[in-house]
Protein backbone atom coordinates (compact mmCIF):
# COMPACT_ATOMS: atom_id res chain seq x y z
CA MET A 1 53.35 66.18 98.15
CA LYS A 2 56.86 67.61 98.45
CA LYS A 3 56.86 68.41 94.72
CA PHE A 4 53.53 70.19 95.09
CA ILE A 5 54.69 72.62 97.83
CA PRO A 6 57.25 74.57 95.70
CA PHE A 7 54.64 74.73 92.92
CA LEU A 8 52.08 76.09 95.41
CA LYS A 9 54.55 78.70 96.72
CA ALA A 10 55.39 79.79 93.18
CA SER A 11 51.70 80.05 92.31
CA LEU A 12 50.94 82.11 95.41
CA TYR A 13 53.90 84.38 94.68
CA ALA A 14 52.73 84.92 91.11
CA PHE A 15 49.19 85.57 92.33
CA GLY A 16 50.47 88.07 94.94
CA ALA A 17 52.59 89.88 92.36
CA GLY A 18 49.58 90.10 90.09
CA VAL A 19 47.49 91.61 92.90
CA VAL A 20 50.18 94.19 93.61
CA LEU A 21 50.50 95.04 89.92
CA THR A 22 46.78 95.41 89.30
CA SER A 23 46.25 97.33 92.54
CA CYS A 24 48.92 99.79 91.44
CA LEU A 25 47.12 100.48 88.18
CA GLY A 26 43.52 101.54 88.07
CA GLY A 27 42.38 99.92 91.32
CA GLY A 28 42.47 96.38 89.88
CA THR A 29 41.49 97.17 86.27
CA GLY A 30 45.06 97.33 84.98
CA HIS A 31 44.40 100.80 83.56
CA PRO A 32 46.19 103.94 84.77
CA ASN A 33 44.27 106.55 86.72
CA SER A 34 44.90 109.85 88.51
CA SER A 35 46.38 108.26 91.62
CA ASN A 36 48.28 105.49 89.79
CA PRO A 37 49.39 106.82 86.40
CA GLY A 38 52.07 104.17 85.98
CA GLU A 39 55.78 104.59 85.29
CA ALA A 40 55.52 105.69 81.67
CA SER A 41 53.21 107.61 79.35
CA THR A 42 50.48 105.70 77.53
CA LEU A 43 50.80 108.37 74.84
CA THR A 44 54.53 108.27 74.04
CA GLY A 45 55.88 105.39 76.10
CA MET A 46 58.43 107.76 77.65
CA ALA A 47 59.16 107.34 81.35
CA TYR A 48 57.76 109.90 83.75
CA ASN A 49 59.85 111.95 86.18
CA GLU A 50 63.26 111.35 84.66
CA GLU A 51 65.46 114.36 84.03
CA GLU A 52 63.82 116.69 81.46
CA ASN A 53 60.93 114.25 81.02
CA PHE A 54 57.34 115.07 81.90
CA GLN A 55 56.87 115.24 85.67
CA VAL A 56 53.89 113.44 87.21
CA ASN A 57 53.62 114.11 90.94
CA ASP A 58 52.14 111.79 93.54
CA PHE A 59 48.42 112.32 94.07
CA SER A 60 46.10 110.60 96.50
CA GLY A 61 42.99 112.75 96.09
CA GLN A 62 41.95 116.27 96.97
CA PRO A 63 43.36 117.22 100.39
CA ASP A 64 40.96 117.99 103.24
CA GLY A 65 40.31 121.69 103.72
CA PRO A 66 39.75 123.14 107.20
CA ASN A 67 36.11 123.27 108.31
CA LEU A 68 34.78 121.82 105.04
CA ARG A 69 32.08 119.19 104.66
CA PHE A 70 31.67 117.10 101.53
CA ILE A 71 28.34 117.70 99.78
CA GLU A 72 27.56 114.86 97.39
CA GLY A 73 25.91 116.29 94.30
CA GLY A 74 22.96 115.01 92.32
CA ARG A 75 19.58 115.84 90.88
CA THR A 76 17.25 118.01 92.91
CA ILE A 77 14.30 120.35 92.59
CA LEU A 78 15.25 123.89 93.41
CA GLY A 79 12.62 126.49 94.16
CA SER A 80 10.32 127.71 96.84
CA PHE A 81 8.52 124.87 98.56
CA GLU A 82 6.91 127.42 100.87
CA GLU A 83 3.73 129.34 100.07
CA ASP A 84 4.81 132.46 98.18
CA ILE A 85 3.35 134.98 100.61
CA MET A 86 5.42 137.79 99.06
CA ASN A 87 3.89 136.97 95.65
CA SER A 88 7.32 137.46 94.09
CA ASN A 89 7.30 134.29 91.96
CA ASP A 90 11.09 134.57 91.74
CA ASN A 91 12.02 130.97 92.52
CA ILE A 92 9.68 128.67 90.61
CA GLU A 93 10.42 124.97 91.04
CA ARG A 94 12.70 123.38 88.43
CA THR A 95 14.87 120.27 88.21
CA VAL A 96 18.65 120.75 88.11
CA THR A 97 21.80 118.80 88.79
CA VAL A 98 24.43 120.14 91.19
CA ALA A 99 27.94 118.67 91.09
CA SER A 100 29.61 117.55 94.30
CA PHE A 101 31.39 120.28 96.25
CA TYR A 102 32.54 121.25 99.72
CA MET A 103 31.01 123.80 102.07
CA ASP A 104 31.98 125.20 105.46
CA GLU A 105 30.10 123.37 108.18
CA THR A 106 29.59 126.70 109.97
CA GLU A 107 29.28 130.36 109.21
CA VAL A 108 32.54 132.32 109.29
CA ALA A 109 32.90 133.53 112.88
CA ASN A 110 34.28 136.65 114.54
CA ILE A 111 37.46 134.83 115.57
CA HIS A 112 38.06 133.85 111.94
CA TRP A 113 37.67 137.43 110.78
CA LEU A 114 39.97 138.72 113.52
CA GLU A 115 42.60 136.19 112.41
CA TYR A 116 42.17 137.48 108.86
CA LEU A 117 42.60 141.08 110.04
CA HIS A 118 45.74 140.12 111.96
CA TYR A 119 47.49 138.78 108.86
CA VAL A 120 46.17 141.53 106.60
CA LYS A 121 47.66 144.10 108.94
CA LEU A 122 51.04 142.34 108.74
CA ASP A 123 51.12 141.83 104.99
CA SER A 124 48.98 144.50 103.34
CA SER A 125 48.65 148.24 103.05
CA ASP A 126 46.82 150.24 105.68
CA GLU A 127 44.30 151.16 103.01
CA PHE A 128 43.40 147.51 102.41
CA TYR A 129 43.33 146.80 106.15
CA GLN A 130 40.81 149.60 106.62
CA SER A 131 38.71 148.22 103.75
CA ALA A 132 38.64 144.79 105.46
CA LEU A 133 37.17 146.06 108.74
CA PRO A 134 33.53 145.04 109.28
CA ASP A 135 31.05 147.86 109.75
CA THR A 136 30.25 147.49 113.44
CA THR A 137 27.80 150.40 113.27
CA VAL A 138 25.29 148.02 111.67
CA TRP A 139 24.17 147.33 115.24
CA SER A 140 23.39 150.99 115.88
CA LYS A 141 19.69 151.90 115.87
CA ASP A 142 18.15 155.31 116.50
CA LEU A 143 15.32 153.85 118.58
CA ALA A 144 17.10 150.91 120.22
CA TYR A 145 19.93 150.56 122.73
CA ASN A 146 22.23 148.24 120.81
CA ASP A 147 25.30 150.38 121.51
CA PRO A 148 27.20 147.63 123.40
CA TYR A 149 27.23 145.46 120.28
CA VAL A 150 28.84 148.24 118.25
CA ASP A 151 31.94 148.11 120.45
CA HIS A 152 31.89 144.52 121.70
CA TYR A 153 30.34 142.13 119.18
CA LEU A 154 33.37 141.71 116.91
CA ARG A 155 36.23 141.83 119.42
CA TYR A 156 34.98 140.75 122.85
CA PRO A 157 36.14 137.13 123.52
CA GLY A 158 32.64 136.02 124.52
CA PHE A 159 31.49 136.55 120.93
CA ARG A 160 34.43 134.70 119.31
CA TYR A 161 32.35 131.90 117.82
CA PHE A 162 29.37 133.99 116.81
CA PRO A 163 28.99 134.66 113.06
CA VAL A 164 30.76 137.73 111.75
CA VAL A 165 28.34 140.40 110.51
CA GLY A 166 28.74 143.87 109.06
CA VAL A 167 30.65 142.26 106.17
CA ASN A 168 29.61 143.05 102.61
CA TRP A 169 29.80 140.77 99.56
CA LEU A 170 33.01 142.38 98.28
CA GLN A 171 34.75 141.88 101.63
CA ALA A 172 33.63 138.25 101.69
CA GLN A 173 35.20 137.77 98.24
CA ASP A 174 38.51 139.21 99.49
CA PHE A 175 38.38 136.88 102.51
CA CYS A 176 37.91 133.83 100.25
CA ARG A 177 40.95 134.79 98.16
CA TRP A 178 43.09 135.32 101.26
CA ARG A 179 41.97 132.04 102.81
CA SER A 180 42.82 130.15 99.60
CA ASP A 181 46.35 131.56 99.58
CA VAL A 182 47.02 130.93 103.27
CA VAL A 183 45.64 127.38 103.38
CA ASN A 184 47.46 126.35 100.21
CA ASP A 185 50.73 127.89 101.36
CA ARG A 186 50.49 125.83 104.56
CA LEU A 187 49.58 122.61 102.74
CA TYR A 188 52.43 123.11 100.28
CA LYS A 189 55.06 123.72 102.94
CA GLU A 190 53.90 120.69 104.95
CA SER A 191 54.10 118.37 101.92
CA ASP A 192 56.84 116.01 100.78
CA PHE A 193 56.64 117.77 97.42
CA TYR A 194 57.93 120.97 99.06
CA GLN A 195 60.97 119.17 100.46
CA GLU A 196 61.89 118.08 96.95
CA ALA A 197 60.79 121.03 94.81
CA GLY A 198 61.04 124.01 97.18
CA ALA A 199 60.61 127.34 95.42
CA GLU A 200 60.67 125.57 92.03
CA GLY A 201 57.21 124.27 92.85
CA LEU A 202 55.81 127.80 92.96
CA ASP A 203 53.84 129.47 90.21
CA GLY A 204 54.77 133.07 90.96
CA ASP A 205 54.07 133.28 94.69
CA LYS A 206 51.62 130.36 94.71
CA PRO A 207 52.15 126.58 94.81
CA GLN A 208 51.66 124.91 91.45
CA LEU A 209 48.26 123.35 90.95
CA GLU A 210 49.98 120.39 89.27
CA SER A 211 51.73 119.56 92.53
CA GLY A 212 48.60 117.74 93.74
CA VAL A 213 49.12 119.00 97.30
CA VAL A 214 47.04 122.18 97.11
CA LEU A 215 43.32 122.84 97.16
CA PRO A 216 41.05 124.57 94.66
CA ASP A 217 40.12 128.10 95.71
CA TYR A 218 37.73 128.87 98.52
CA ARG A 219 34.82 130.96 97.25
CA LEU A 220 31.22 131.87 97.98
CA PRO A 221 28.75 129.12 97.05
CA SER A 222 26.41 129.62 94.14
CA GLU A 223 22.76 130.05 95.04
CA ALA A 224 22.02 126.58 93.65
CA GLU A 225 24.79 125.01 95.73
CA TRP A 226 23.63 126.81 98.86
CA GLU A 227 20.00 125.80 98.39
CA TYR A 228 20.95 122.20 97.58
CA ALA A 229 23.15 121.96 100.67
CA ALA A 230 20.41 123.43 102.87
CA GLN A 231 17.84 120.91 101.62
CA ALA A 232 20.13 117.98 102.52
CA LEU A 233 17.73 115.51 100.95
CA ILE A 234 20.13 112.60 101.43
CA GLY A 235 18.17 111.98 104.62
CA THR A 236 14.89 111.44 102.75
CA GLN A 237 15.92 108.67 100.36
CA TRP A 238 14.19 105.32 100.09
CA LEU A 239 15.30 102.45 97.87
CA ASP A 240 16.61 103.42 94.41
CA GLU A 241 16.47 107.16 93.70
CA ASN A 242 13.20 107.62 95.54
CA GLN A 243 12.70 110.39 98.06
CA THR A 244 9.97 110.03 100.60
CA HIS A 245 9.35 113.77 100.95
CA ARG A 246 10.59 117.28 100.29
CA ARG A 247 11.69 119.55 103.11
CA LEU A 248 10.24 122.90 104.05
CA TYR A 249 13.27 123.57 106.27
CA PRO A 250 16.70 121.89 106.54
CA TRP A 251 15.12 119.30 108.83
CA ASP A 252 12.14 116.91 108.51
CA GLY A 253 8.62 118.07 109.16
CA HIS A 254 6.78 121.36 108.90
CA ALA A 255 7.31 122.22 112.57
CA LEU A 256 9.96 124.55 114.00
CA ARG A 257 10.39 122.62 117.24
CA ASN A 258 12.30 119.43 117.99
CA PRO A 259 9.82 116.53 118.12
CA TYR A 260 12.16 114.04 119.82
CA GLY A 261 13.93 113.16 123.04
CA LYS A 262 15.14 115.37 125.86
CA LYS A 263 14.97 118.49 123.70
CA LEU A 264 11.35 117.89 122.78
CA GLY A 265 9.67 121.23 122.06
CA THR A 266 12.82 123.31 121.70
CA PHE A 267 13.30 125.37 118.56
CA LEU A 268 15.61 124.07 115.85
CA ALA A 269 16.92 127.43 114.65
CA ASN A 270 17.55 131.02 115.74
CA PHE A 271 14.84 133.26 114.33
CA LYS A 272 12.28 135.87 115.32
CA ARG A 273 9.26 134.06 116.70
CA GLY A 274 6.85 136.96 116.30
CA ARG A 275 6.53 140.67 116.71
CA GLY A 276 8.81 141.70 119.57
CA ASP A 277 9.62 138.06 120.44
CA TYR A 278 13.23 137.08 119.68
CA ALA A 279 13.89 134.38 122.28
CA GLY A 280 11.01 133.62 124.64
CA ILE A 281 10.64 134.50 128.32
CA ALA A 282 13.20 134.59 131.14
CA GLY A 283 13.71 131.18 132.70
CA LYS A 284 12.69 129.50 129.45
CA LEU A 285 14.50 131.25 126.61
CA ASN A 286 13.41 128.78 124.01
CA ASP A 287 15.56 129.50 120.98
CA GLY A 288 18.29 130.74 123.28
CA ALA A 289 19.35 133.78 121.26
CA MET A 290 18.07 137.34 121.15
CA ILE A 291 20.63 138.24 118.48
CA THR A 292 23.05 135.85 116.73
CA THR A 293 24.29 132.77 118.53
CA TYR A 294 27.10 130.19 118.70
CA ILE A 295 27.89 128.87 115.21
CA TYR A 296 27.56 125.23 116.40
CA GLU A 297 24.19 125.82 118.07
CA TYR A 298 21.24 123.61 117.05
CA PRO A 299 21.48 120.22 115.33
CA PRO A 300 23.26 120.10 111.95
CA ASN A 301 21.41 118.99 108.83
CA ASP A 302 22.05 115.66 107.11
CA PHE A 303 25.12 117.05 105.34
CA GLY A 304 26.57 118.05 108.72
CA LEU A 305 26.03 121.79 108.16
CA TYR A 306 25.06 124.03 111.06
CA ASN A 307 22.60 126.93 110.94
CA MET A 308 21.54 126.63 107.33
CA ALA A 309 18.33 128.20 108.60
CA GLY A 310 18.33 131.25 110.83
CA ASN A 311 21.17 132.90 112.80
CA VAL A 312 22.35 135.02 109.84
CA ASN A 313 21.42 135.29 106.19
CA GLU A 314 24.33 134.28 103.97
CA TRP A 315 25.86 135.85 100.88
CA VAL A 316 26.05 133.68 97.75
CA GLN A 317 27.76 134.30 94.41
CA ASP A 318 24.74 135.12 92.30
CA VAL A 319 23.55 138.42 90.94
CA TYR A 320 19.85 138.70 91.75
CA ARG A 321 17.24 138.50 89.01
CA PRO A 322 13.58 137.62 89.59
CA LEU A 323 13.63 135.35 86.53
CA SER A 324 16.85 133.48 87.29
CA PHE A 325 14.92 130.22 87.50
CA GLN A 326 14.04 130.32 83.79
CA ASP A 327 17.30 131.74 82.41
CA MET A 328 19.98 129.53 83.90
CA ASP A 329 21.38 126.16 82.87
CA ASP A 330 20.04 123.01 84.50
CA MET A 331 23.57 121.78 85.31
CA ASN A 332 25.41 123.75 88.03
CA PRO A 333 23.26 126.87 87.51
CA VAL A 334 24.61 130.28 88.50
CA ARG A 335 23.93 133.86 87.48
CA ARG A 336 27.17 135.84 87.21
CA ASP A 337 25.79 139.03 85.62
CA GLY A 338 22.91 140.38 83.59
CA PHE A 339 23.27 138.00 80.65
CA LEU A 340 19.84 137.52 78.98
CA ASP A 341 18.30 139.79 81.62
CA GLU A 342 20.21 143.07 81.46
CA GLU A 343 20.00 145.64 84.24
CA ASP A 344 18.82 148.30 81.75
CA GLY A 345 15.42 146.68 81.81
CA TYR A 346 14.99 147.49 85.51
CA ASP A 347 15.78 151.23 85.45
CA ALA A 348 17.68 151.30 88.72
CA GLN A 349 19.37 154.54 87.60
CA ASN A 350 16.09 156.43 87.87
CA PHE A 351 15.16 154.65 91.11
CA ASN A 352 12.29 152.78 89.48
CA SER A 353 13.85 149.48 90.59
CA LEU A 354 16.32 148.16 93.16
CA ILE A 355 17.66 145.51 90.77
CA SER A 356 21.08 145.99 89.15
CA ASP A 357 24.26 144.02 88.47
CA ARG A 358 25.49 145.08 91.90
CA VAL A 359 22.83 143.33 93.97
CA ARG A 360 23.57 139.83 95.26
CA VAL A 361 21.34 137.07 96.57
CA ILE A 362 21.18 136.35 100.30
CA LYS A 363 19.73 133.10 101.65
CA GLY A 364 18.65 131.40 104.85
CA GLY A 365 16.94 133.87 107.16
CA SER A 366 18.38 135.40 110.32
CA TRP A 367 17.89 136.00 114.01
CA ALA A 368 15.73 139.01 113.10
CA ASP A 369 13.58 137.23 110.47
CA VAL A 370 10.36 135.27 110.84
CA ALA A 371 10.32 131.57 109.99
CA TYR A 372 9.19 132.09 106.38
CA TRP A 373 12.70 133.17 105.34
CA MET A 374 14.33 130.01 106.73
CA SER A 375 12.96 127.84 103.93
CA PRO A 376 15.87 127.10 101.52
CA GLY A 377 13.87 128.20 98.47
CA THR A 378 13.21 131.75 99.66
CA ARG A 379 15.55 134.45 98.40
CA ARG A 380 16.26 138.13 98.86
CA PHE A 381 18.93 140.52 97.66
CA LEU A 382 21.23 143.25 98.92
CA GLU A 383 23.71 145.65 97.31
CA GLU A 384 27.13 143.98 97.19
CA ASP A 385 28.76 146.91 99.05
CA SER A 386 26.11 146.93 101.80
CA SER A 387 26.23 145.17 105.15
CA THR A 388 23.83 144.57 108.02
CA SER A 389 23.72 142.90 111.42
CA THR A 390 21.74 140.04 109.90
CA VAL A 391 24.03 138.92 107.02
CA GLY A 392 27.15 136.76 107.20
CA PHE A 393 28.56 134.04 104.96
CA ARG A 394 30.32 130.70 104.65
CA CYS A 395 32.77 129.45 102.02
CA ALA A 396 32.53 126.67 99.44
CA MET A 397 34.97 124.82 97.17
CA ILE A 398 34.68 122.56 94.13
CA ARG A 399 35.46 118.88 94.37
CA ALA A 400 38.11 118.57 91.69
CA GLY A 401 39.06 115.51 89.69
CA THR A 402 35.73 113.68 89.81
CA ASN A 403 32.75 113.51 87.49
CA TYR A 404 30.12 113.69 90.22
């Protein structure tokens, strides 16, 4: 028995060392991977990270970005599941695959835009600062007394966490670029890599992508990504790749009211209930909002995203074309321009059409829209340099380094 104990210890030690070794390479497969590339190249056999040798930085996966929710990609059917009452036939059902990505769980709010303006004023020209200001006059109406919103909606503290409006597509693009730079600069300076590399880890004024401590760029979602995220069909799955039902809205059922619990009968989104009816009657304001509302109002969908129906329409990347559904790829579809469907065919120059390469898709419906526009498959468009009191946006980001 005494002879057996040293043998047992040695065996356990060898087993433990083997576990450590295999866990360090390829999660138990013994093969290198992104997080555990090993000490030396499988191409040349040369050691990594020695002086003048190829540098391979530590990497433990894409860092978490502020306010982002992971949207697991997959196959889906895009298109209008609602009756096409506009007879536009511009979003016919088709099967596509959307890769995994991230999306803001809320619309960008007034407080976020004010923070943006603060830093723009410090770092940029007055000309650019002026170009970044939302158009608060979008609230002004000749036959309505909305004047208080013109002065108060953006800057009054009570509206801090209401969605920013009066922002056009071009301004939203600038915001995404600024947010990417600021978030990545913070992540870089908080990392161990920064302590070791300092300014040498910068590519111009930006942290190196190879550092592994920065995020891909924030951007506007594509129309396909937005629609896929709004559907949130992960909550309708049954057994292996079966879905029990489609969704007319970002929640189950064809009804607009909550069918369960203490909030039975309350509306699930902020929209216009009918002509002249934006919220209900005093003492029982059902949807709780005559204009926009708190960005965390109403239950989130199964991806954890708030207000994917109602509150404000949202800008997406795509140029609008009525035949986008038949022109685009079936993997990560997006329409960047007039490829295969040029704007010359629409004669916008002579005012015979509103369609051009400068009109962008908006999705989701708003506080001033009827329920029809809250279905994820419905779509409208607006000039990219235009803004209204009913259009805002949220950001998206790729999930890098995975094949799903």
